[in-house]
Amino acid sequence: MGSNQEEKLLRQLSQLDHDEDLLDDADSTGLLTASREEQLLEGEKQSPVAGQGPFFYIGGTNGASIISAYCKSKGWQRTQDSRREDYKLKWCEVKCRDTYCSFREGEQLLYQLPNSKLLTTKIGLLSTLREYARVVSKINKTSMSTQTKILKMEDFFPETYRLDIKDEREAFFTLFDETQTWICKPTASNQGKGIFLLRSQEDAAALQAKTQNTEDDPTSRKMSFRGPQARIVQRYIENPLLLDGKKFDVRSYLLIACAMPYMVFFGHGYARLTLGLYDPQSDDLSGHLTNQFMQKKSPLYMLLKEDTVWSMEHLNCYINDKFRKTKGLPRDWVFTTFTKRMQQIMAHCFLAVKSKLDCKLGYFDLIGCDFLIDENFKVWLLEMNSNPALHTNCEVLKEVIPAVVMETLDLALETFQKSLHSQKMLPLLSQRHFVLLHNGETDLWPRLGGLRPIYRPSPASLGPRPSCETAPSAPPPQVRAADRPGARKPAPPRGSSAPRSCSALQRRPRQQQDPEARGLGAAGSLPAPWDAEAPRPPEDGGAPARECSPERVGDEREEESKGRKTPGHRGS
């Protein structure tokens, strides 16, 4: 997409962003946003005429005007019918099981991998990283070769305990003392709700009593991931790097542009600052959590909101000026050392979950990753968020967000088409700012004589779709080279509408990875873990999806109420 279209999008968004800032109440903001979008997206409430298209559907308001403008520039038509199955692209905030059941692999694009909660919930990410560390340890112990270089979890992820597991809960309360601050975060909340600091024995005793009462409640025992216990406690990083005395974190992006094969990218975002000066002893959470929902509670927000978001260029210049000489940092530390570290951590997290993600041709996902830098310039991963906030209510976000969304869609479309036609992925003409972390072509398609099986969608799939419970039986596949373990499975024979399964693809042999990343070094060279099932994270609560029963999942939208943020650590 060219700069002219980006400028047009920004002009369209300016009035919408002004209206968003007038209200603090999240529900009211969502209603106003929806109302304004109806004016921006002219005529989209009208029922589409049969035979027109291709169609796209957007569920919710998060980034909807940017996504819609992009799709309409392609000649596509927006539909308001969430049950319509002949769409080209569906972008939804809330995951709905019906959406995945009716999805036609190789014919449609669908935003959000169905089980991305393995990365984007607090318990999911913790469990995934722990299991990966165990598997890597076993591999290194049994391997006759030199141990694979791998990031250690404790080097980038704060010490964390789950309160929904009795042994971990007891271990935490045993080690707790008043010399360290801990932060307690629910796994099914957003916008900083339910977060509090643990500083005293009284705080710890109250939390312990609350969890114990829940444990003893017979009714509560029947509930999966009970409310008071569906929390984590994490060691609070008390020495964050400060910008003009203010605490900050950095939002970056992990893009899974294609899941067959995996094409994974890193994208720069922006820095988020608190309005007030950092006081580690303060009980005011707005000084500890950097998300804009917390900052908007200040009466000074409207006056100073531009100061709460910095571009990466601004951050780089600041660190060059303030810390390069005193801390002995290389010039442009932000775009060299810091960027490389974020890429390594993201690649590590992706490899930890790669064998478990649901993969179909047409799935893609954009995940928001939050990092904190401490005063020793050590980089910490705070959390990963599904459905990251795409609002553009300040000047920096007006520059960053539309470019991120449009390149996300460009890359998803290009990789989809290349995969569909069995073309080599690289080079990618639509790749501008995103950096390749992992090229999974060799994961799914070991080359035999330079040939790969071509995925051919079934014509029968254009007809009525099978229900989620039953599906017609496909003829048994013939045994051929493509059926070897690790080979990409061809589509069912023409005329069959049976949906394809990913189970065989998810259990492929572990191979050395070649991420072909720019500036990433050896990150991604470790084999993915075995397919032992990780503990399932709780599914976050969300508002019911219209016209279908939603899968309860978490997403992250600080400003807009209809999304549900993966809870957690906003600048620990």
Protein backbone atom coordinates (compact mmCIF):
# COMPACT_ATOMS: atom_id res chain seq x y z
CA MET A 1 0.00 0.00 0.00
CA GLY A 2 1.32 3.39 -0.90
CA SER A 3 1.76 6.48 1.21
CA ASN A 4 -1.25 8.15 -0.44
CA GLN A 5 -3.58 5.47 0.87
CA GLU A 6 -2.03 5.68 4.33
CA GLU A 7 -2.63 9.46 4.36
CA LYS A 8 -6.24 8.91 3.31
CA LEU A 9 -6.72 6.40 6.11
CA LEU A 10 -5.28 8.82 8.65
CA ARG A 11 -7.65 11.58 7.57
CA GLN A 12 -10.58 9.21 7.94
CA LEU A 13 -9.41 8.16 11.39
CA SER A 14 -8.80 11.64 12.78
CA GLN A 15 -12.45 12.36 13.60
CA LEU A 16 -12.95 8.88 15.02
CA ASP A 17 -9.93 9.28 17.32
CA HIS A 18 -11.17 12.67 18.51
CA ASP A 19 -14.47 11.10 19.55
CA GLU A 20 -12.71 8.23 21.33
CA ASP A 21 -10.78 10.65 23.51
CA LEU A 22 -13.92 12.44 24.70
CA LEU A 23 -15.04 9.47 26.79
CA ASP A 24 -13.36 7.52 29.55
CA ASP A 25 -16.04 4.88 29.81
CA ALA A 26 -14.99 1.90 27.69
CA ASP A 27 -18.53 0.78 26.81
CA SER A 28 -19.52 4.26 25.66
CA THR A 29 -16.33 4.54 23.63
CA GLY A 30 -17.11 1.31 21.86
CA LEU A 31 -20.61 2.49 20.96
CA LEU A 32 -19.37 5.82 19.71
CA THR A 33 -16.62 4.16 17.69
CA ALA A 34 -19.14 1.85 16.06
CA SER A 35 -21.40 4.78 15.26
CA ARG A 36 -18.61 6.78 13.67
CA GLU A 37 -17.47 3.77 11.63
CA GLU A 38 -20.94 3.46 10.16
CA GLN A 39 -20.49 6.94 8.74
CA LEU A 40 -16.95 6.26 7.51
CA LEU A 41 -17.78 2.95 5.91
CA GLU A 42 -20.57 4.24 3.71
CA GLY A 43 -23.25 1.85 2.63
CA GLU A 44 -21.85 -1.18 4.42
CA LYS A 45 -25.01 -1.80 6.43
CA GLN A 46 -26.89 -2.58 3.24
CA SER A 47 -27.37 -6.23 2.42
CA PRO A 48 -24.99 -7.28 -0.35
CA VAL A 49 -26.45 -8.20 -3.70
CA ALA A 50 -26.18 -11.89 -4.52
CA GLY A 51 -23.28 -12.65 -6.80
CA GLN A 52 -21.20 -9.63 -5.80
CA GLY A 53 -17.96 -9.86 -3.89
CA PRO A 54 -15.45 -11.03 -2.84
CA PHE A 55 -16.74 -10.38 0.68
CA PHE A 56 -14.94 -9.57 3.91
CA TYR A 57 -16.28 -9.53 7.45
CA ILE A 58 -14.99 -7.54 10.43
CA GLY A 59 -16.24 -8.40 13.90
CA GLY A 60 -15.81 -5.56 16.38
CA THR A 61 -14.29 -2.10 16.07
CA ASN A 62 -10.61 -2.64 16.82
CA GLY A 63 -8.84 -1.26 13.74
CA ALA A 64 -11.99 -1.82 11.68
CA SER A 65 -11.74 1.37 9.61
CA ILE A 66 -8.15 0.58 8.56
CA ILE A 67 -8.95 -3.04 7.70
CA SER A 68 -12.09 -2.06 5.81
CA ALA A 69 -10.34 0.64 3.78
CA TYR A 70 -7.63 -1.88 2.84
CA CYS A 71 -10.12 -4.51 1.70
CA LYS A 72 -12.25 -2.04 -0.24
CA SER A 73 -9.11 -0.87 -2.06
CA LYS A 74 -8.89 -4.47 -3.33
CA GLY A 75 -12.42 -4.27 -4.70
CA TRP A 76 -13.89 -6.41 -1.93
CA GLN A 77 -17.28 -5.75 -0.34
CA ARG A 78 -17.98 -5.70 3.38
CA THR A 79 -20.71 -7.95 4.72
CA GLN A 80 -22.36 -7.55 8.12
CA ASP A 81 -23.53 -11.17 8.15
CA SER A 82 -21.24 -13.00 10.57
CA ARG A 83 -22.68 -16.34 9.42
CA ARG A 84 -21.90 -15.78 5.77
CA GLU A 85 -19.48 -18.49 4.65
CA ASP A 86 -18.39 -17.27 1.20
CA TYR A 87 -16.01 -14.62 2.54
CA LYS A 88 -12.47 -13.89 1.37
CA LEU A 89 -11.29 -12.46 4.71
CA LYS A 90 -12.72 -12.62 8.23
CA TRP A 91 -11.17 -10.49 10.98
CA CYS A 92 -12.83 -10.99 14.38
CA GLU A 93 -11.96 -9.81 17.85
CA VAL A 94 -13.77 -12.62 19.65
CA LYS A 95 -13.08 -16.19 18.60
CA CYS A 96 -16.17 -18.20 17.73
CA ARG A 97 -16.13 -21.96 17.21
CA ASP A 98 -18.58 -21.68 14.32
CA THR A 99 -16.08 -19.49 12.48
CA TYR A 100 -13.42 -22.20 12.56
CA CYS A 101 -15.86 -25.01 11.71
CA SER A 102 -17.04 -23.25 8.54
CA PHE A 103 -13.56 -22.08 7.49
CA ARG A 104 -12.50 -23.31 4.03
CA GLU A 105 -8.79 -24.01 4.04
CA GLY A 106 -6.94 -22.78 0.98
CA GLU A 107 -9.84 -20.50 -0.01
CA GLN A 108 -10.22 -18.01 2.84
CA LEU A 109 -8.14 -15.87 5.20
CA LEU A 110 -9.03 -15.97 8.90
CA TYR A 111 -7.52 -13.74 11.59
CA GLN A 112 -6.34 -15.33 14.86
CA LEU A 113 -5.12 -18.88 15.25
CA PRO A 114 -7.73 -20.83 17.21
CA ASN A 115 -5.42 -21.87 20.07
CA SER A 116 -3.06 -18.90 20.18
CA LYS A 117 -3.90 -18.69 23.89
CA LEU A 118 -0.90 -20.97 24.38
CA LEU A 119 1.09 -17.75 23.92
CA THR A 120 -1.39 -14.98 24.63
CA THR A 121 -2.65 -15.88 28.11
CA LYS A 122 -0.51 -15.57 31.20
CA ILE A 123 -0.82 -19.21 32.20
CA GLY A 124 -0.52 -20.37 28.60
CA LEU A 125 2.75 -18.53 28.00
CA LEU A 126 4.19 -19.63 31.34
CA SER A 127 3.31 -23.29 30.75
CA THR A 128 4.61 -23.21 27.18
CA LEU A 129 7.97 -21.73 28.15
CA ARG A 130 8.38 -24.13 31.07
CA GLU A 131 7.67 -27.20 28.97
CA TYR A 132 10.00 -26.02 26.24
CA ALA A 133 12.79 -25.55 28.77
CA ARG A 134 12.28 -29.11 30.04
CA VAL A 135 12.32 -30.55 26.53
CA VAL A 136 15.43 -28.60 25.55
CA SER A 137 17.18 -29.80 28.70
CA LYS A 138 16.39 -33.44 27.83
CA ILE A 139 17.56 -32.97 24.25
CA ASN A 140 20.84 -31.45 25.37
CA LYS A 141 21.43 -34.21 27.92
CA THR A 142 20.85 -37.04 25.44
CA SER A 143 22.43 -35.42 22.39
CA MET A 144 25.97 -36.51 21.52
CA SER A 145 26.63 -33.22 19.75
CA THR A 146 27.45 -29.84 21.26
CA GLN A 147 24.60 -28.42 23.28
CA THR A 148 22.32 -26.17 21.28
CA LYS A 149 22.50 -22.54 22.26
CA ILE A 150 19.16 -21.53 23.69
CA LEU A 151 17.76 -18.66 25.68
CA LYS A 152 17.17 -19.48 29.32
CA MET A 153 13.71 -18.63 30.52
CA GLU A 154 14.98 -16.87 33.63
CA ASP A 155 17.08 -14.55 31.46
CA PHE A 156 14.06 -12.86 29.87
CA PHE A 157 10.92 -13.84 31.82
CA PRO A 158 10.35 -12.72 35.44
CA GLU A 159 10.03 -15.41 38.11
CA THR A 160 6.38 -16.48 38.11
CA TYR A 161 4.08 -18.79 40.08
CA ARG A 162 0.59 -20.07 39.34
CA LEU A 163 -2.00 -19.73 42.07
CA ASP A 164 -4.32 -22.31 40.51
CA ILE A 165 -1.82 -25.10 41.25
CA LYS A 166 -1.60 -26.04 44.91
CA ASP A 167 2.10 -26.93 44.99
CA GLU A 168 3.10 -23.71 43.27
CA ARG A 169 0.81 -21.64 45.46
CA GLU A 170 2.31 -23.12 48.61
CA ALA A 171 5.85 -22.69 47.29
CA PHE A 172 5.24 -19.01 46.65
CA PHE A 173 3.75 -18.26 50.05
CA THR A 174 6.65 -20.11 51.66
CA LEU A 175 9.33 -18.05 49.91
CA PHE A 176 7.54 -14.70 50.15
CA ASP A 177 9.13 -12.06 52.34
CA GLU A 178 8.82 -8.30 52.57
CA THR A 179 12.17 -7.55 50.97
CA GLN A 180 10.75 -8.14 47.47
CA THR A 181 7.67 -6.77 45.74
CA TRP A 182 5.47 -9.12 43.73
CA ILE A 183 2.66 -8.30 41.34
CA CYS A 184 -0.50 -10.40 41.29
CA LYS A 185 -2.45 -10.53 38.05
CA PRO A 186 -5.68 -12.30 37.11
CA THR A 187 -5.66 -14.35 33.96
CA ALA A 188 -9.15 -13.30 32.86
CA SER A 189 -9.21 -9.54 33.02
CA ASN A 190 -8.03 -6.51 31.09
CA GLN A 191 -7.15 -2.83 31.38
CA GLY A 192 -5.29 -3.38 34.65
CA LYS A 193 -8.41 -4.63 36.46
CA GLY A 194 -7.71 -6.96 39.35
CA ILE A 195 -3.97 -6.27 39.45
CA PHE A 196 -2.37 -5.43 42.79
CA LEU A 197 1.06 -5.41 44.39
CA LEU A 198 2.15 -7.70 47.22
CA ARG A 199 4.55 -5.93 49.58
CA SER A 200 3.72 -7.07 53.12
CA GLN A 201 2.99 -10.27 55.01
CA GLU A 202 -0.53 -8.95 55.53
CA ASP A 203 -1.03 -8.74 51.77
CA ALA A 204 0.27 -12.26 51.28
CA ALA A 205 -1.80 -13.66 54.15
CA ALA A 206 -4.99 -12.13 52.74
CA LEU A 207 -4.33 -13.59 49.30
CA GLN A 208 -3.48 -16.99 50.78
CA ALA A 209 -6.69 -17.05 52.81
CA LYS A 210 -8.74 -16.11 49.77
CA THR A 211 -7.28 -18.87 47.62
CA GLN A 212 -7.60 -21.40 50.45
CA ASN A 213 -11.27 -20.57 50.98
CA THR A 214 -11.87 -21.13 47.30
CA GLU A 215 -9.99 -24.43 47.45
CA ASP A 216 -12.23 -25.61 50.30
CA ASP A 217 -15.49 -24.53 48.64
CA PRO A 218 -17.21 -27.67 47.23
CA THR A 219 -19.06 -25.64 44.60
CA SER A 220 -15.88 -23.94 43.46
CA ARG A 221 -14.08 -27.26 43.09
CA LYS A 222 -16.33 -28.13 40.18
CA MET A 223 -15.30 -25.00 38.27
CA SER A 224 -12.33 -25.04 35.94
CA PHE A 225 -9.76 -22.32 36.72
CA ARG A 226 -11.68 -20.76 39.61
CA GLY A 227 -11.79 -16.97 39.76
CA PRO A 228 -9.64 -16.14 42.80
CA GLN A 229 -7.11 -18.83 41.89
CA ALA A 230 -6.87 -18.09 38.16
CA ARG A 231 -3.98 -15.75 38.83
CA ILE A 232 -0.25 -15.62 38.62
CA VAL A 233 2.18 -13.86 40.93
CA GLN A 234 5.29 -12.47 39.32
CA ARG A 235 8.41 -10.92 40.75
CA TYR A 236 8.06 -7.17 40.24
CA ILE A 237 10.92 -5.48 38.38
CA GLU A 238 11.64 -2.59 40.73
CA ASN A 239 14.51 -1.02 38.77
CA PRO A 240 12.98 -0.15 35.39
CA LEU A 241 14.80 2.17 33.01
CA LEU A 242 13.08 5.55 33.16
CA LEU A 243 12.47 8.15 30.47
CA ASP A 244 12.51 11.59 32.06
CA GLY A 245 11.65 9.89 35.34
CA LYS A 246 8.69 7.96 33.90
CA LYS A 247 8.21 4.22 33.60
CA PHE A 248 7.71 2.76 30.12
CA ASP A 249 7.47 -0.45 28.14
CA VAL A 250 7.73 -1.24 24.42
CA ARG A 251 5.00 -2.76 22.28
CA SER A 252 6.28 -4.82 19.34
CA TYR A 253 4.57 -7.31 17.07
CA LEU A 254 4.87 -11.00 16.28
CA LEU A 255 3.19 -11.71 12.95
CA ILE A 256 2.32 -15.23 11.87
CA ALA A 257 1.50 -14.34 8.29
CA CYS A 258 1.03 -17.93 7.16
CA ALA A 259 0.59 -21.18 9.05
CA MET A 260 1.17 -23.55 6.08
CA PRO A 261 4.13 -23.20 6.04
CA TYR A 262 4.89 -20.98 9.00
CA MET A 263 6.10 -17.56 7.94
CA VAL A 264 6.81 -15.55 11.08
CA PHE A 265 7.89 -11.93 11.33
CA PHE A 266 8.95 -9.27 13.83
CA GLY A 267 7.59 -5.74 13.64
CA HIS A 268 8.53 -2.59 15.54
CA GLY A 269 5.83 -0.75 17.44
CA TYR A 270 6.16 2.07 19.95
CA ALA A 271 7.01 2.94 23.55
CA ARG A 272 4.28 3.59 26.16
CA LEU A 273 4.97 5.87 29.11
CA THR A 274 3.16 6.73 32.31
CA LEU A 275 1.95 10.28 32.82
CA GLY A 276 3.44 10.61 36.29
CA LEU A 277 6.93 10.13 37.66
CA TYR A 278 7.84 6.63 38.83
CA ASP A 279 7.64 5.98 42.56
CA PRO A 280 8.27 2.33 43.45
CA GLN A 281 6.54 2.81 46.82
CA SER A 282 3.38 4.33 45.42
CA ASP A 283 0.11 2.43 45.62
CA ASP A 284 -1.24 4.23 42.55
CA LEU A 285 -1.26 1.61 39.79
CA SER A 286 -1.17 4.26 37.07
CA GLY A 287 2.48 4.76 37.97
CA HIS A 288 3.22 1.05 37.60
CA LEU A 289 1.08 0.08 34.58
CA THR A 290 1.71 1.84 31.30
CA ASN A 291 -1.45 0.94 29.37
CA GLN A 292 -3.49 3.88 28.18
CA PHE A 293 -6.64 2.80 29.98
CA MET A 294 -4.84 3.45 33.27
CA GLN A 295 -3.32 6.71 32.06
CA LYS A 296 -6.71 8.05 30.90
CA LYS A 297 -7.86 8.11 34.51
CA SER A 298 -5.65 11.13 35.06
CA PRO A 299 -7.29 14.57 34.55
CA LEU A 300 -4.12 15.57 32.70
CA TYR A 301 -4.44 12.84 30.07
CA MET A 302 -6.13 14.92 27.38
CA LEU A 303 -3.50 17.63 27.80
CA LEU A 304 -0.48 15.30 27.90
CA LYS A 305 -1.57 12.21 25.95
CA GLU A 306 0.99 12.81 23.19
CA ASP A 307 3.71 12.40 25.82
CA THR A 308 2.51 8.90 26.70
CA VAL A 309 3.51 7.36 23.34
CA TRP A 310 6.97 7.63 21.76
CA SER A 311 8.08 6.37 18.40
CA MET A 312 10.99 3.95 18.30
CA GLU A 313 13.08 6.66 16.63
CA HIS A 314 12.35 9.01 19.54
CA LEU A 315 13.31 6.31 22.03
CA ASN A 316 16.51 5.57 20.13
CA CYS A 317 17.57 9.23 20.08
CA TYR A 318 16.82 9.61 23.78
CA ILE A 319 18.93 6.62 24.76
CA ASN A 320 21.73 7.75 22.46
CA ASP A 321 21.76 11.16 24.14
CA LYS A 322 21.23 10.11 27.77
CA PHE A 323 22.86 6.70 28.18
CA ARG A 324 25.20 5.82 25.33
CA LYS A 325 28.33 7.31 26.95
CA THR A 326 27.47 6.81 30.62
CA LYS A 327 26.42 3.16 30.14
CA GLY A 328 28.91 2.33 27.37
CA LEU A 329 26.17 1.38 24.92
CA PRO A 330 26.71 0.99 21.18
CA ARG A 331 25.27 3.78 19.09
CA ASP A 332 21.63 3.18 18.14
CA TRP A 333 21.28 0.56 20.86
CA VAL A 334 17.50 0.47 20.30
CA PHE A 335 17.81 -0.58 16.66
CA THR A 336 20.73 -2.95 17.17
CA THR A 337 21.06 -4.74 20.52
CA PHE A 338 17.52 -4.18 21.80
CA THR A 339 15.86 -5.09 18.51
CA LYS A 340 17.96 -8.24 18.14
CA ARG A 341 17.08 -9.28 21.69
CA MET A 342 13.36 -8.82 21.10
CA GLN A 343 13.65 -10.90 17.93
CA GLN A 344 15.48 -13.68 19.76
CA ILE A 345 12.86 -13.79 22.50
CA MET A 346 9.98 -13.82 20.04
CA ALA A 347 11.60 -16.58 17.98
CA HIS A 348 12.15 -18.59 21.15
CA CYS A 349 8.49 -18.24 22.17
CA PHE A 350 7.29 -19.21 18.71
CA LEU A 351 9.50 -22.31 18.58
CA ALA A 352 8.24 -23.27 22.04
CA VAL A 353 4.67 -23.45 20.75
CA LYS A 354 5.16 -24.23 17.05
CA SER A 355 4.30 -27.92 17.28
CA LYS A 356 1.07 -27.17 19.17
CA LEU A 357 -0.51 -24.35 17.19
CA ASP A 358 -3.49 -25.20 15.01
CA CYS A 359 -2.29 -24.76 11.44
CA LYS A 360 -4.33 -24.44 8.28
CA LEU A 361 -3.64 -22.61 5.06
CA GLY A 362 -5.38 -19.26 5.51
CA TYR A 363 -4.89 -18.77 9.25
CA PHE A 364 -2.84 -15.73 10.23
CA ASP A 365 -2.32 -13.81 13.46
CA LEU A 366 -0.89 -10.56 14.80
CA ILE A 367 0.29 -10.73 18.42
CA GLY A 368 1.29 -7.76 20.55
CA CYS A 369 4.45 -8.36 22.61
CA ASP A 370 5.34 -6.10 25.54
CA PHE A 371 8.93 -5.67 26.71
CA LEU A 372 10.47 -3.82 29.64
CA ILE A 373 14.07 -2.59 29.90
CA ASP A 374 15.59 -2.35 33.36
CA GLU A 375 18.23 0.15 34.44
CA ASN A 376 20.95 -2.39 33.61
CA PHE A 377 19.54 -2.55 30.05
CA LYS A 378 18.37 -6.10 30.50
CA VAL A 379 15.31 -6.90 28.36
CA TRP A 380 12.28 -8.61 29.91
CA LEU A 381 9.23 -10.06 28.16
CA LEU A 382 6.14 -9.01 30.09
CA GLU A 383 3.34 -10.56 28.08
CA MET A 384 1.98 -11.48 24.66
CA ASN A 385 -1.48 -10.29 23.64
CA SER A 386 -3.98 -11.55 21.11
CA ASN A 387 -5.95 -8.95 19.16
CA PRO A 388 -3.55 -6.08 20.05
CA ALA A 389 -5.03 -2.61 20.31
CA LEU A 390 -5.12 -0.87 16.93
CA HIS A 391 -6.50 2.50 18.01
CA THR A 392 -4.86 5.64 16.60
CA ASN A 393 -5.68 8.36 19.11
CA CYS A 394 -2.31 10.13 19.05
CA GLU A 395 0.14 11.22 16.37
CA VAL A 396 2.67 8.40 16.85
CA LEU A 397 -0.04 5.75 16.63
CA LYS A 398 -1.40 7.36 13.46
CA GLU A 399 2.00 6.70 11.89
CA VAL A 400 2.60 3.23 13.30
CA ILE A 401 -0.72 1.36 13.39
CA PRO A 402 -2.00 1.74 9.79
CA ALA A 403 1.39 0.67 8.42
CA VAL A 404 1.42 -2.39 10.72
CA VAL A 405 -2.11 -3.43 9.74
CA MET A 406 -1.59 -2.95 6.00
CA GLU A 407 1.72 -4.82 5.89
CA THR A 408 0.13 -7.59 7.96
CA LEU A 409 -2.61 -8.00 5.37
CA ASP A 410 -0.18 -7.66 2.45
CA LEU A 411 2.06 -10.40 3.82
CA ALA A 412 -0.89 -12.65 4.70
CA LEU A 413 -2.23 -12.36 1.14
CA GLU A 414 1.12 -12.86 -0.58
CA THR A 415 2.18 -15.86 1.50
CA PHE A 416 -1.30 -17.37 1.11
CA GLN A 417 -1.13 -17.16 -2.67
CA LYS A 418 2.42 -18.51 -2.83
CA SER A 419 1.57 -21.42 -0.57
CA LEU A 420 -1.58 -22.16 -2.55
CA HIS A 421 0.38 -22.30 -5.82
CA SER A 422 3.40 -24.09 -4.31
CA GLN A 423 5.72 -21.17 -5.02
CA LYS A 424 8.90 -20.34 -3.16
CA MET A 425 8.14 -17.81 -0.45
CA LEU A 426 11.20 -15.60 -0.71
CA PRO A 427 11.60 -12.90 -1.79
CA LEU A 428 8.38 -11.32 -0.53
CA LEU A 429 7.43 -8.23 -2.50
CA SER A 430 5.12 -6.95 0.26
CA GLN A 431 7.78 -7.14 2.99
CA ARG A 432 8.73 -3.59 3.95
CA HIS A 433 9.27 -3.07 7.67
CA PHE A 434 8.62 -6.52 9.15
CA VAL A 435 11.67 -8.76 9.64
CA LEU A 436 11.54 -12.48 8.91
CA LEU A 437 12.09 -14.61 12.02
CA HIS A 438 11.19 -18.06 10.75
CA ASN A 439 10.77 -19.52 7.27
CA GLY A 440 8.99 -22.82 7.74
CA GLU A 441 9.08 -24.10 4.17
CA THR A 442 11.51 -26.87 5.12
CA ASP A 443 9.35 -27.77 8.15
CA LEU A 444 6.37 -28.83 6.09
CA TRP A 445 7.74 -29.54 2.65
CA PRO A 446 11.00 -31.49 2.55
CA ARG A 447 11.96 -31.18 -1.08
CA LEU A 448 12.00 -34.39 -3.08
CA GLY A 449 13.57 -33.74 -6.47
CA GLY A 450 12.71 -30.08 -6.04
CA LEU A 451 8.96 -30.82 -6.08
CA ARG A 452 6.31 -30.11 -3.50
CA PRO A 453 2.70 -31.33 -3.48
CA ILE A 454 0.28 -28.59 -4.47
CA TYR A 455 -2.70 -27.83 -2.29
CA ARG A 456 -5.85 -27.86 -4.41
CA PRO A 457 -9.05 -26.75 -2.65
CA SER A 458 -12.03 -28.99 -3.29
CA PRO A 459 -14.73 -27.57 -5.60
CA ALA A 460 -17.29 -29.33 -3.44
CA SER A 461 -16.29 -27.07 -0.57
CA LEU A 462 -18.09 -24.22 -2.31
CA GLY A 463 -21.34 -25.95 -1.43
CA PRO A 464 -22.95 -26.38 2.01
CA ARG A 465 -20.41 -26.98 4.72
CA PRO A 466 -20.51 -30.00 7.05
CA SER A 467 -21.44 -29.33 10.66
CA CYS A 468 -18.87 -29.24 13.44
CA GLU A 469 -20.05 -32.55 14.82
CA THR A 470 -20.02 -34.63 11.68
CA ALA A 471 -18.27 -34.60 8.35
CA PRO A 472 -18.51 -36.89 5.32
CA SER A 473 -15.83 -39.50 5.11
CA ALA A 474 -13.08 -38.87 2.59
CA PRO A 475 -11.73 -41.75 0.48
CA PRO A 476 -8.62 -43.30 2.01
CA PRO A 477 -5.53 -41.52 0.69
CA GLN A 478 -3.08 -43.37 -1.48
CA VAL A 479 0.32 -44.02 0.00
CA ARG A 480 2.90 -41.90 -1.77
CA ALA A 481 6.02 -39.92 -1.04
CA ALA A 482 4.06 -36.93 0.16
CA ASP A 483 2.57 -39.08 2.96
CA ARG A 484 5.93 -39.59 4.59
CA PRO A 485 6.22 -38.09 8.09
CA GLY A 486 7.04 -34.43 7.80
CA ALA A 487 5.70 -34.07 4.26
CA ARG A 488 2.88 -31.68 3.56
CA LYS A 489 -0.40 -33.58 3.09
CA PRO A 490 -2.21 -32.99 -0.22
CA ALA A 491 -5.84 -31.97 -0.30
CA PRO A 492 -8.62 -34.57 -0.29
CA PRO A 493 -9.53 -35.88 -3.78
CA ARG A 494 -11.60 -33.56 -5.91
CA GLY A 495 -15.28 -33.82 -5.16
CA SER A 496 -14.80 -34.45 -1.47
CA SER A 497 -15.79 -31.74 0.96
CA ALA A 498 -14.20 -33.40 3.97
CA PRO A 499 -12.19 -30.86 5.94
CA ARG A 500 -8.45 -31.42 6.11
CA SER A 501 -6.82 -32.30 9.40
CA CYS A 502 -3.73 -30.70 10.86
CA SER A 503 -2.95 -33.48 13.31
CA ALA A 504 -0.35 -35.11 11.11
CA LEU A 505 1.26 -31.79 10.38
CA GLN A 506 1.47 -30.96 14.05
CA ARG A 507 3.36 -34.17 14.74
CA ARG A 508 6.07 -33.87 12.18
CA PRO A 509 9.67 -34.78 13.03
CA ARG A 510 11.67 -32.07 14.73
CA GLN A 511 14.23 -30.58 12.37
CA GLN A 512 16.89 -27.93 12.59
CA GLN A 513 15.26 -24.67 11.70
CA ASP A 514 16.53 -22.12 9.24
CA PRO A 515 14.83 -18.86 10.18
CA GLU A 516 16.64 -16.82 7.50
CA ALA A 517 16.17 -13.90 9.86
CA ARG A 518 17.80 -10.59 9.27
CA GLY A 519 19.99 -9.73 12.25
CA LEU A 520 18.66 -12.67 14.27
CA GLY A 521 21.78 -14.83 14.33
CA ALA A 522 21.22 -18.36 15.59
CA ALA A 523 17.82 -17.75 17.13
CA GLY A 524 15.40 -20.35 15.84
CA SER A 525 18.02 -23.07 15.36
CA LEU A 526 16.64 -25.25 18.14
CA PRO A 527 14.30 -28.14 17.37
CA ALA A 528 10.75 -27.60 18.52
CA PRO A 529 9.57 -29.58 21.56
CA TRP A 530 7.94 -32.99 21.36
CA ASP A 531 4.22 -33.15 21.23
CA ALA A 532 3.62 -33.83 24.91
CA GLU A 533 0.51 -31.90 25.78
CA ALA A 534 1.16 -28.73 27.77
CA PRO A 535 -1.19 -27.78 30.61
CA ARG A 536 -4.09 -25.98 29.02
CA PRO A 537 -4.46 -22.35 30.03
CA PRO A 538 -7.83 -21.03 31.10
CA GLU A 539 -9.90 -19.47 28.41
CA ASP A 540 -10.45 -15.81 29.18
CA GLY A 541 -13.89 -14.39 29.50
CA GLY A 542 -15.22 -12.32 26.68
CA ALA A 543 -18.41 -10.69 25.59
CA PRO A 544 -20.63 -13.13 23.68
CA ALA A 545 -20.07 -12.98 19.96
CA ARG A 546 -23.12 -11.91 18.10
CA GLU A 547 -25.08 -14.65 16.35
CA CYS A 548 -22.97 -17.53 17.65
CA SER A 549 -21.67 -19.11 20.82
CA PRO A 550 -18.17 -17.74 21.40
CA GLU A 551 -15.10 -19.56 22.53
CA ARG A 552 -14.04 -17.64 25.65
CA VAL A 553 -10.67 -16.25 24.86
CA GLY A 554 -8.51 -13.27 25.78
CA ASP A 555 -7.50 -10.36 23.66
CA GLU A 556 -5.91 -7.00 24.29
CA ARG A 557 -7.60 -3.67 23.63
CA GLU A 558 -6.91 -0.94 26.13
CA GLU A 559 -9.29 1.59 24.62
CA GLU A 560 -12.16 -0.32 23.05
CA SER A 561 -14.57 -2.28 25.16
CA LYS A 562 -15.72 -5.02 22.82
CA GLY A 563 -12.35 -6.73 22.73
CA ARG A 564 -11.14 -8.73 25.71
CA LYS A 565 -7.49 -8.22 26.61
CA THR A 566 -5.22 -11.02 27.68
CA PRO A 567 -4.70 -9.96 31.27
CA GLY A 568 -1.43 -9.23 32.70
CA HIS A 569 1.59 -7.31 33.24
CA ARG A 570 1.61 -3.78 31.86
CA GLY A 571 5.17 -2.81 32.62
CA SER A 572 5.91 -4.95 35.64
